[in-house]
């Protein structure tokens, strides 16, 4: 199948995995407050950037899955909606809120500062709803991406997609970490799968393309 450049309207979506690599690599190592007291601006930049990229990455994956009607594809799309909702909420609370409070703590002293730090520690370390360790929103956000990656890979396999697309989608499960080297590997794998699909190379030959599955790049 002849390779063709993706439409200009989808180039921004295709760039989303690459752009996310920047905050993934810049993500400070350490928990608020003690671990990021001197890096609150960087912490806030990372989490605001992630929040801004969520809809673009979600739209990219939705486009890739468009036209696939298997049960696995429907599961992947449902999980994608859950990821957008739950990861955004988790990022806003465990990331942005703790960053704002950490910056505020830096401007205080004495008992006032200790009080804000105690609130940060509880929010990030102890909150079962939205903490940075184990929490409901964190587990749903990270877990739903794992479902997106695995179910998406199964959907592409069932549709007869080329192996590189299937493997790329499957390896994107590493992005569930959302930061660090593992996330970068997952984002790179997703980019490869998306690039193949958006340049008309989703299937090895035109004859392998199921009637019910339209290649995202040519729509």
Protein backbone atom coordinates (compact mmCIF):
# COMPACT_ATOMS: atom_id res chain seq x y z
CA UNK A 1 0.00 0.00 0.00
CA UNK A 2 1.43 3.40 -0.98
CA UNK A 3 2.44 5.57 1.96
CA UNK A 4 0.80 8.98 2.08
CA UNK A 5 1.22 11.85 4.53
CA UNK A 6 -1.48 12.22 7.16
CA UNK A 7 -3.94 15.11 6.75
CA UNK A 8 -2.79 18.34 8.37
CA UNK A 9 -5.79 18.21 10.67
CA UNK A 10 -4.40 15.14 12.47
CA UNK A 11 -0.75 16.20 12.75
CA UNK A 12 -1.40 17.82 16.12
CA UNK A 13 -2.95 14.60 17.40
CA UNK A 14 -0.03 12.58 16.10
CA UNK A 15 2.34 14.92 17.94
CA UNK A 16 0.61 14.32 21.28
CA UNK A 17 2.64 11.21 22.29
CA UNK A 18 5.88 12.98 21.39
CA UNK A 19 4.94 16.13 23.28
CA UNK A 20 4.00 14.10 26.37
CA UNK A 21 7.56 12.74 26.48
CA UNK A 22 8.73 16.17 27.68
CA UNK A 23 6.75 16.25 30.95
CA UNK A 24 7.34 12.50 31.36
CA UNK A 25 11.10 13.07 31.43
CA UNK A 26 10.90 16.30 33.45
CA UNK A 27 8.65 14.82 36.15
CA UNK A 28 10.40 15.48 39.51
CA UNK A 29 11.33 12.42 41.52
CA UNK A 30 9.94 12.61 45.03
CA UNK A 31 6.71 13.20 46.87
CA UNK A 32 5.33 16.56 47.89
CA UNK A 33 6.34 18.39 50.02
CA UNK A 34 9.82 17.24 51.04
CA UNK A 35 10.77 15.91 47.61
CA UNK A 36 9.71 18.88 45.47
CA UNK A 37 10.01 21.94 47.74
CA UNK A 38 12.69 23.37 45.46
CA UNK A 39 11.00 22.22 42.25
CA UNK A 40 7.40 23.38 42.65
CA UNK A 41 7.40 25.34 39.37
CA UNK A 42 8.69 22.32 37.48
CA UNK A 43 6.15 20.09 39.24
CA UNK A 44 3.31 22.42 38.24
CA UNK A 45 4.54 22.70 34.64
CA UNK A 46 4.65 18.92 34.29
CA UNK A 47 1.15 18.33 35.60
CA UNK A 48 -0.47 21.24 33.79
CA UNK A 49 1.18 20.06 30.54
CA UNK A 50 -0.14 16.54 31.12
CA UNK A 51 -3.65 17.85 31.73
CA UNK A 52 -3.54 19.89 28.52
CA UNK A 53 -2.33 16.89 26.50
CA UNK A 54 -4.97 14.45 27.78
CA UNK A 55 -7.71 15.41 25.26
CA UNK A 56 -5.27 15.32 22.33
CA UNK A 57 -3.89 11.90 23.23
CA UNK A 58 -7.42 10.63 23.85
CA UNK A 59 -8.59 11.95 20.47
CA UNK A 60 -5.63 10.28 18.75
CA UNK A 61 -6.41 6.85 20.19
CA UNK A 62 -10.13 7.30 19.47
CA UNK A 63 -9.24 8.03 15.84
CA UNK A 64 -7.06 4.93 15.65
CA UNK A 65 -9.89 2.75 16.92
CA UNK A 66 -12.49 4.31 14.63
CA UNK A 67 -14.13 1.79 12.32
CA UNK A 68 -13.18 -1.24 14.45
CA UNK A 69 -16.38 -2.86 15.70
CA UNK A 70 -15.17 -5.94 17.60
CA UNK A 71 -15.91 -6.42 21.28
CA UNK A 72 -12.29 -5.61 22.10
CA UNK A 73 -12.55 -2.31 20.21
CA UNK A 74 -15.67 -1.34 22.14
CA UNK A 75 -13.94 -2.19 25.42
CA UNK A 76 -10.93 -0.09 24.40
CA UNK A 77 -13.13 2.91 23.54
CA UNK A 78 -15.03 2.65 26.83
CA UNK A 79 -11.75 2.41 28.75
CA UNK A 80 -10.41 5.42 26.83
CA UNK A 81 -13.33 7.55 28.01
CA UNK A 82 -12.67 6.37 31.57
CA UNK A 83 -8.97 7.22 31.24
CA UNK A 84 -9.68 10.76 30.07
CA UNK A 85 -12.03 11.35 33.00
CA UNK A 86 -10.20 9.61 35.84
CA UNK A 87 -6.62 10.46 34.88
CA UNK A 88 -7.56 14.12 34.45
CA UNK A 89 -9.13 14.18 37.91
CA UNK A 90 -6.13 12.39 39.43
CA UNK A 91 -3.64 14.70 37.71
CA UNK A 92 -5.53 17.80 38.84
CA UNK A 93 -5.63 16.77 42.51
CA UNK A 94 -2.47 14.73 43.14
CA UNK A 95 -0.44 16.86 40.74
CA UNK A 96 -1.70 20.43 40.35
CA UNK A 97 -3.35 20.84 43.76
CA UNK A 98 -0.33 19.54 45.66
CA UNK A 99 1.92 21.76 43.55
CA UNK A 100 -0.14 24.86 44.35
CA UNK A 101 -0.09 24.02 48.05
CA UNK A 102 3.66 23.34 47.93
CA UNK A 103 4.30 26.73 46.37
CA UNK A 104 2.11 28.32 49.06
CA UNK A 105 4.03 26.49 51.80
CA UNK A 106 7.28 27.96 50.48
CA UNK A 107 5.92 31.45 51.19
CA UNK A 108 5.08 30.68 54.83
CA UNK A 109 7.02 30.04 58.00
CA UNK A 110 6.53 28.46 61.40
CA UNK A 111 3.25 26.83 62.34
CA UNK A 112 1.46 28.12 59.25
CA UNK A 113 3.94 26.39 57.00
CA UNK A 114 3.80 23.17 59.00
CA UNK A 115 0.00 23.20 58.75
CA UNK A 116 0.07 23.48 54.96
CA UNK A 117 2.75 20.78 54.72
CA UNK A 118 0.57 18.48 56.84
CA UNK A 119 -2.30 19.06 54.40
CA UNK A 120 -0.02 18.29 51.44
CA UNK A 121 1.23 15.09 53.07
CA UNK A 122 -2.31 13.93 53.76
CA UNK A 123 -3.55 14.77 50.27
CA UNK A 124 -0.68 13.04 48.49
CA UNK A 125 0.22 10.19 50.86
CA UNK A 126 -2.97 9.32 52.72
CA UNK A 127 -5.97 10.27 50.60
CA UNK A 128 -7.66 7.10 49.37
CA UNK A 129 -9.69 9.12 46.87
CA UNK A 130 -6.96 11.01 45.01
CA UNK A 131 -3.57 10.40 46.64
CA UNK A 132 -0.37 10.00 44.68
CA UNK A 133 0.21 6.48 45.97
CA UNK A 134 -2.64 3.98 45.95
CA UNK A 135 -5.93 5.79 45.46
CA UNK A 136 -9.25 5.29 43.72
CA UNK A 137 -8.73 7.95 41.06
CA UNK A 138 -5.10 6.95 40.49
CA UNK A 139 -5.93 3.26 40.13
CA UNK A 140 -8.84 3.94 37.79
CA UNK A 141 -6.77 6.35 35.70
CA UNK A 142 -3.74 4.10 35.33
CA UNK A 143 -5.74 0.88 35.12
CA UNK A 144 -8.04 2.19 32.41
CA UNK A 145 -5.05 2.99 30.18
CA UNK A 146 -3.81 -0.57 30.59
CA UNK A 147 -7.20 -1.75 29.34
CA UNK A 148 -7.01 0.69 26.41
CA UNK A 149 -3.61 -0.64 25.35
CA UNK A 150 -4.39 -4.35 25.73
CA UNK A 151 -7.92 -4.26 24.32
CA UNK A 152 -6.75 -1.96 21.50
CA UNK A 153 -4.00 -4.40 20.55
CA UNK A 154 -6.50 -7.26 20.52
CA UNK A 155 -8.87 -5.19 18.38
CA UNK A 156 -6.15 -4.44 15.83
CA UNK A 157 -5.11 -8.10 15.77
CA UNK A 158 -8.69 -9.22 15.14
CA UNK A 159 -8.98 -6.66 12.35
CA UNK A 160 -5.89 -8.05 10.62
CA UNK A 161 -3.61 -5.06 11.28
CA UNK A 162 0.10 -5.49 10.67
CA UNK A 163 2.20 -6.80 13.54
CA UNK A 164 3.99 -3.50 14.19
CA UNK A 165 0.67 -1.78 14.88
CA UNK A 166 -0.48 -4.54 17.22
CA UNK A 167 2.82 -4.65 19.09
CA UNK A 168 3.05 -0.86 19.27
CA UNK A 169 -0.41 -0.62 20.77
CA UNK A 170 0.37 -3.40 23.24
CA UNK A 171 3.65 -1.84 24.35
CA UNK A 172 1.88 1.46 24.98
CA UNK A 173 0.65 -0.21 28.17
CA UNK A 174 3.90 1.11 29.71
CA UNK A 175 2.41 4.60 29.46
CA UNK A 176 0.17 3.70 32.38
CA UNK A 177 3.06 4.94 34.54
CA UNK A 178 2.47 8.41 32.91
CA UNK A 179 6.01 9.57 33.78
CA UNK A 180 9.60 8.37 33.66
CA UNK A 181 11.40 6.13 31.18
CA UNK A 182 8.62 3.53 31.16
CA UNK A 183 6.08 6.13 30.07
CA UNK A 184 8.43 7.36 27.33
CA UNK A 185 8.73 3.81 25.96
CA UNK A 186 4.95 3.45 25.96
CA UNK A 187 4.50 6.82 24.23
CA UNK A 188 7.09 5.94 21.58
CA UNK A 189 5.33 2.64 20.89
CA UNK A 190 1.98 4.42 20.59
CA UNK A 191 3.50 6.95 18.19
CA UNK A 192 4.83 4.18 15.94
CA UNK A 193 1.43 2.47 15.84
CA UNK A 194 -0.35 5.75 15.18
CA UNK A 195 2.11 6.80 12.49
CA UNK A 196 1.63 3.56 10.59
CA UNK A 197 -2.15 3.86 10.82
CA UNK A 198 -2.29 7.52 9.86
CA UNK A 199 -0.10 7.01 6.79
CA UNK A 200 -2.29 4.25 5.41
CA UNK A 201 -0.04 1.41 6.59
CA UNK A 202 -2.39 -0.10 9.14
CA UNK A 203 -2.73 -3.28 7.08
CA UNK A 204 -0.07 -5.19 5.16
CA UNK A 205 -2.09 -5.19 1.93
CA UNK A 206 -5.41 -3.64 0.87
CA UNK A 207 -6.95 -7.14 0.71
CA UNK A 208 -6.42 -7.59 4.44
CA UNK A 209 -8.52 -4.57 5.31
CA UNK A 210 -11.90 -5.67 6.72
CA UNK A 211 -14.95 -4.00 5.20
CA UNK A 212 -16.05 -2.82 8.65
CA UNK A 213 -12.71 -1.24 9.53
CA UNK A 214 -11.81 1.99 7.81
CA UNK A 215 -8.20 3.06 7.95
CA UNK A 216 -8.11 6.24 10.07
CA UNK A 217 -5.58 8.01 7.85
CA UNK A 218 -7.74 8.33 4.76
CA UNK A 219 -10.97 9.50 6.34
